[in-house]
Amino acid sequence: MIPKWTTKVDKDFRRVAPNHPPAPQSAFKAWLTHKLTNVGSEQIITFDNAEINIGNQYNPTTGVFTCDIPGLYVFHLTITIYGDTNVELFFTKNGQYMHNFYLANKEFLSSGSPTALIQLDQGDTVWIKSDQYHSTGDLIYGGFSYFSGFLLYPRIQN
């Protein structure tokens, strides 16, 4: 019974919207492949292994996402630190701090995963940047830290 229902829904959709253009797509997920040590103040955190990069808008060399499709985006960060360390990071849009995130650790490993919703226009840029408040030495654990984002709703042009 369910396969027939699915087939009927598919046929109805094609009948109602036969020439519906495909939705614009943008998504990326990039890993940090190595540990970061002695992170500087206001340093861009470069997640250097773009495992997924639909639309090719994330640059794993610079760590910067450049918007090609205006709309509302979801950005997610997972950071893992180790040892007696702390770090404050920011989601940054066009050089302006948008959302901050602080993580402190006293034991072996600690992770945090903030998410940000950011409205973007074509050409806007987003990246993760450190603040001045962080430990020195070994800080961010590679392999367990990543930055990702995707287009939630494209802006409809009238």
C-alpha atoms as a PDB file:
ATOM      1  CA  MET A   1       0.000   0.000   0.000  1.00  0.00           C
ATOM      2  CA  ILE A   2       2.797   2.461   0.813  1.00  0.00           C
ATOM      3  CA  PRO A   3       4.593   2.094  -2.576  1.00  0.00           C
ATOM      4  CA  LYS A   4       1.338   2.950  -4.381  1.00  0.00           C
ATOM      5  CA  TRP A   5       0.899   6.002  -2.147  1.00  0.00           C
ATOM      6  CA  THR A   6       4.449   7.158  -2.859  1.00  0.00           C
ATOM      7  CA  THR A   7       3.918   6.732  -6.595  1.00  0.00           C
ATOM      8  CA  LYS A   8       0.679   8.732  -6.440  1.00  0.00           C
ATOM      9  CA  VAL A   9       2.370  11.577  -4.551  1.00  0.00           C
ATOM     10  CA  ASP A  10       5.213  11.648  -7.096  1.00  0.00           C
ATOM     11  CA  LYS A  11       2.740  11.783  -9.994  1.00  0.00           C
ATOM     12  CA  ASP A  12       0.699  14.534  -8.305  1.00  0.00           C
ATOM     13  CA  PHE A  13       3.825  16.620  -7.716  1.00  0.00           C
ATOM     14  CA  ARG A  14       4.904  16.313 -11.344  1.00  0.00           C
ATOM     15  CA  ARG A  15       1.380  17.288 -12.438  1.00  0.00           C
ATOM     16  CA  VAL A  16       1.246  20.371 -10.171  1.00  0.00           C
ATOM     17  CA  ALA A  17       4.827  21.556 -10.744  1.00  0.00           C
ATOM     18  CA  PRO A  18       6.068  19.965 -13.974  1.00  0.00           C
ATOM     19  CA  ASN A  19       8.597  22.703 -14.725  1.00  0.00           C
ATOM     20  CA  HIS A  20       9.575  23.527 -11.163  1.00  0.00           C
ATOM     21  CA  PRO A  21      13.233  24.592 -11.257  1.00  0.00           C
ATOM     22  CA  PRO A  22      15.594  22.709  -8.967  1.00  0.00           C
ATOM     23  CA  ALA A  23      16.312  24.403  -5.651  1.00  0.00           C
ATOM     24  CA  PRO A  24      19.707  26.116  -5.378  1.00  0.00           C
ATOM     25  CA  GLN A  25      22.176  24.113  -3.311  1.00  0.00           C
ATOM     26  CA  SER A  26      25.059  25.097  -1.088  1.00  0.00           C
ATOM     27  CA  ALA A  27      26.664  22.970   1.626  1.00  0.00           C
ATOM     28  CA  PHE A  28      30.118  22.242   3.008  1.00  0.00           C
ATOM     29  CA  LYS A  29      31.849  20.336   5.777  1.00  0.00           C
ATOM     30  CA  ALA A  30      35.559  20.837   6.402  1.00  0.00           C
ATOM     31  CA  TRP A  31      37.778  19.102   8.954  1.00  0.00           C
ATOM     32  CA  LEU A  32      40.864  20.334  10.729  1.00  0.00           C
ATOM     33  CA  THR A  33      43.447  17.666   9.869  1.00  0.00           C
ATOM     34  CA  HIS A  34      46.140  18.684  12.359  1.00  0.00           C
ATOM     35  CA  LYS A  35      46.357  20.147  15.849  1.00  0.00           C
ATOM     36  CA  LEU A  36      46.525  23.918  16.147  1.00  0.00           C
ATOM     37  CA  THR A  37      49.145  25.292  18.485  1.00  0.00           C
ATOM     38  CA  ASN A  38      49.833  28.826  19.654  1.00  0.00           C
ATOM     39  CA  VAL A  39      46.707  30.273  18.048  1.00  0.00           C
ATOM     40  CA  GLY A  40      47.074  34.014  17.559  1.00  0.00           C
ATOM     41  CA  SER A  41      44.554  36.691  18.489  1.00  0.00           C
ATOM     42  CA  GLU A  42      41.987  37.205  15.728  1.00  0.00           C
ATOM     43  CA  GLN A  43      43.425  34.312  13.724  1.00  0.00           C
ATOM     44  CA  ILE A  44      41.219  32.657  11.096  1.00  0.00           C
ATOM     45  CA  ILE A  45      40.862  28.973  11.908  1.00  0.00           C
ATOM     46  CA  THR A  46      41.450  27.167   8.606  1.00  0.00           C
ATOM     47  CA  PHE A  47      39.624  23.855   8.354  1.00  0.00           C
ATOM     48  CA  ASP A  48      41.792  22.389   5.623  1.00  0.00           C
ATOM     49  CA  ASN A  49      40.006  19.224   4.449  1.00  0.00           C
ATOM     50  CA  ALA A  50      36.738  20.020   2.639  1.00  0.00           C
ATOM     51  CA  GLU A  51      35.037  16.634   2.763  1.00  0.00           C
ATOM     52  CA  ILE A  52      31.827  18.102   1.269  1.00  0.00           C
ATOM     53  CA  ASN A  53      31.790  21.298  -0.799  1.00  0.00           C
ATOM     54  CA  ILE A  54      28.572  21.536  -2.835  1.00  0.00           C
ATOM     55  CA  GLY A  55      28.740  24.779  -4.784  1.00  0.00           C
ATOM     56  CA  ASN A  56      32.489  25.119  -4.088  1.00  0.00           C
ATOM     57  CA  GLN A  57      31.919  28.174  -1.867  1.00  0.00           C
ATOM     58  CA  TYR A  58      34.186  27.101   1.013  1.00  0.00           C
ATOM     59  CA  ASN A  59      37.918  27.625   0.479  1.00  0.00           C
ATOM     60  CA  PRO A  60      39.941  25.089   2.530  1.00  0.00           C
ATOM     61  CA  THR A  61      43.145  27.062   1.921  1.00  0.00           C
ATOM     62  CA  THR A  62      41.838  30.285   3.512  1.00  0.00           C
ATOM     63  CA  GLY A  63      39.074  28.904   5.766  1.00  0.00           C
ATOM     64  CA  VAL A  64      36.565  31.361   4.264  1.00  0.00           C
ATOM     65  CA  PHE A  65      33.049  30.631   2.955  1.00  0.00           C
ATOM     66  CA  THR A  66      31.967  33.064   0.202  1.00  0.00           C
ATOM     67  CA  CYS A  67      28.229  33.233  -0.505  1.00  0.00           C
ATOM     68  CA  ASP A  68      27.060  32.806  -4.098  1.00  0.00           C
ATOM     69  CA  ILE A  69      23.364  32.231  -3.299  1.00  0.00           C
ATOM     70  CA  PRO A  70      21.669  34.907  -1.126  1.00  0.00           C
ATOM     71  CA  GLY A  71      19.593  33.500   1.721  1.00  0.00           C
ATOM     72  CA  LEU A  72      19.519  32.185   5.276  1.00  0.00           C
ATOM     73  CA  TYR A  73      22.398  29.860   6.147  1.00  0.00           C
ATOM     74  CA  VAL A  74      23.031  27.495   9.045  1.00  0.00           C
ATOM     75  CA  PHE A  75      26.649  27.283  10.202  1.00  0.00           C
ATOM     76  CA  HIS A  76      27.876  24.697  12.688  1.00  0.00           C
ATOM     77  CA  LEU A  77      31.175  24.313  14.470  1.00  0.00           C
ATOM     78  CA  THR A  78      32.563  21.438  16.493  1.00  0.00           C
ATOM     79  CA  ILE A  79      35.764  22.219  18.362  1.00  0.00           C
ATOM     80  CA  THR A  80      37.706  19.773  20.508  1.00  0.00           C
ATOM     81  CA  ILE A  81      40.408  21.013  22.866  1.00  0.00           C
ATOM     82  CA  TYR A  82      42.685  19.028  25.138  1.00  0.00           C
ATOM     83  CA  GLY A  83      44.752  19.469  28.257  1.00  0.00           C
ATOM     84  CA  ASP A  84      44.372  22.466  30.569  1.00  0.00           C
ATOM     85  CA  THR A  85      43.264  24.887  27.840  1.00  0.00           C
ATOM     86  CA  ASN A  86      40.555  27.365  26.899  1.00  0.00           C
ATOM     87  CA  VAL A  87      39.529  29.093  23.692  1.00  0.00           C
ATOM     88  CA  GLU A  88      37.040  31.724  22.550  1.00  0.00           C
ATOM     89  CA  LEU A  89      35.994  31.632  18.899  1.00  0.00           C
ATOM     90  CA  PHE A  90      33.620  33.697  16.764  1.00  0.00           C
ATOM     91  CA  PHE A  91      31.444  33.142  13.739  1.00  0.00           C
ATOM     92  CA  THR A  92      32.496  36.141  11.645  1.00  0.00           C
ATOM     93  CA  LYS A  93      30.548  37.729   8.759  1.00  0.00           C
ATOM     94  CA  ASN A  94      32.433  40.179   6.521  1.00  0.00           C
ATOM     95  CA  GLY A  95      34.921  40.768   9.345  1.00  0.00           C
ATOM     96  CA  GLN A  96      32.242  41.501  11.989  1.00  0.00           C
ATOM     97  CA  TYR A  97      31.767  39.222  14.990  1.00  0.00           C
ATOM     98  CA  MET A  98      28.343  37.559  14.806  1.00  0.00           C
ATOM     99  CA  HIS A  99      28.261  34.826  17.485  1.00  0.00           C
ATOM    100  CA  ASN A 100      30.860  33.885  20.066  1.00  0.00           C
ATOM    101  CA  PHE A 101      31.699  30.570  21.679  1.00  0.00           C
ATOM    102  CA  TYR A 102      33.866  29.854  24.732  1.00  0.00           C
ATOM    103  CA  LEU A 103      35.229  26.439  25.681  1.00  0.00           C
ATOM    104  CA  ALA A 104      37.375  25.591  28.705  1.00  0.00           C
ATOM    105  CA  ASN A 105      38.930  22.275  29.658  1.00  0.00           C
ATOM    106  CA  LYS A 106      40.763  20.875  32.673  1.00  0.00           C
ATOM    107  CA  GLU A 107      40.992  17.206  31.722  1.00  0.00           C
ATOM    108  CA  PHE A 108      41.797  15.126  28.658  1.00  0.00           C
ATOM    109  CA  LEU A 109      39.352  16.235  25.914  1.00  0.00           C
ATOM    110  CA  SER A 110      36.441  18.646  25.794  1.00  0.00           C
ATOM    111  CA  SER A 111      34.176  19.492  22.850  1.00  0.00           C
ATOM    112  CA  GLY A 112      31.615  22.152  22.082  1.00  0.00           C
ATOM    113  CA  SER A 113      29.280  22.575  19.122  1.00  0.00           C
ATOM    114  CA  PRO A 114      27.663  25.986  18.560  1.00  0.00           C
ATOM    115  CA  THR A 115      25.319  26.719  15.652  1.00  0.00           C
ATOM    116  CA  ALA A 116      24.574  30.094  14.040  1.00  0.00           C
ATOM    117  CA  LEU A 117      21.865  31.278  11.634  1.00  0.00           C
ATOM    118  CA  ILE A 118      23.231  34.046   9.408  1.00  0.00           C
ATOM    119  CA  GLN A 119      21.487  35.948   6.601  1.00  0.00           C
ATOM    120  CA  LEU A 120      23.866  36.377   3.647  1.00  0.00           C
ATOM    121  CA  ASP A 121      23.938  38.339   0.415  1.00  0.00           C
ATOM    122  CA  GLN A 122      25.973  37.353  -2.628  1.00  0.00           C
ATOM    123  CA  GLY A 123      29.656  38.008  -1.936  1.00  0.00           C
ATOM    124  CA  ASP A 124      29.322  37.956   1.876  1.00  0.00           C
ATOM    125  CA  THR A 125      32.000  35.951   3.668  1.00  0.00           C
ATOM    126  CA  VAL A 126      31.887  33.826   6.827  1.00  0.00           C
ATOM    127  CA  TRP A 127      34.752  32.295   8.780  1.00  0.00           C
ATOM    128  CA  ILE A 128      35.749  31.212  12.278  1.00  0.00           C
ATOM    129  CA  LYS A 129      38.132  33.523  14.087  1.00  0.00           C
ATOM    130  CA  SER A 130      39.877  33.301  17.460  1.00  0.00           C
ATOM    131  CA  ASP A 131      39.604  36.006  20.080  1.00  0.00           C
ATOM    132  CA  GLN A 132      42.356  37.239  22.375  1.00  0.00           C
ATOM    133  CA  TYR A 133      41.164  34.995  25.222  1.00  0.00           C
ATOM    134  CA  HIS A 134      42.780  31.601  24.747  1.00  0.00           C
ATOM    135  CA  SER A 135      45.572  29.401  26.025  1.00  0.00           C
ATOM    136  CA  THR A 136      48.981  29.051  24.421  1.00  0.00           C
ATOM    137  CA  GLY A 137      50.645  25.839  23.286  1.00  0.00           C
ATOM    138  CA  ASP A 138      48.673  22.878  21.961  1.00  0.00           C
ATOM    139  CA  LEU A 139      45.077  23.991  21.718  1.00  0.00           C
ATOM    140  CA  ILE A 140      42.630  22.665  19.096  1.00  0.00           C
ATOM    141  CA  TYR A 141      42.596  18.956  18.387  1.00  0.00           C
ATOM    142  CA  GLY A 142      42.624  18.028  14.688  1.00  0.00           C
ATOM    143  CA  GLY A 143      40.474  15.200  13.398  1.00  0.00           C
ATOM    144  CA  PHE A 144      37.708  16.000  15.887  1.00  0.00           C
ATOM    145  CA  SER A 145      37.116  19.640  14.922  1.00  0.00           C
ATOM    146  CA  TYR A 146      35.102  20.757  11.909  1.00  0.00           C
ATOM    147  CA  PHE A 147      33.195  23.689  10.378  1.00  0.00           C
ATOM    148  CA  SER A 148      30.092  23.174   8.254  1.00  0.00           C
ATOM    149  CA  GLY A 149      27.299  25.154   6.700  1.00  0.00           C
ATOM    150  CA  PHE A 150      24.350  24.915   4.361  1.00  0.00           C
ATOM    151  CA  LEU A 151      21.714  27.057   2.694  1.00  0.00           C
ATOM    152  CA  LEU A 152      18.450  26.735   4.621  1.00  0.00           C
ATOM    153  CA  TYR A 153      16.266  29.112   2.577  1.00  0.00           C
ATOM    154  CA  PRO A 154      17.319  30.947  -0.574  1.00  0.00           C
ATOM    155  CA  ARG A 155      16.179  34.545  -0.828  1.00  0.00           C
ATOM    156  CA  ILE A 156      13.350  34.801  -3.338  1.00  0.00           C
ATOM    157  CA  GLN A 157      13.882  37.603  -5.831  1.00  0.00           C
ATOM    158  CA  ASN A 158      10.707  39.421  -6.918  1.00  0.00           C
END
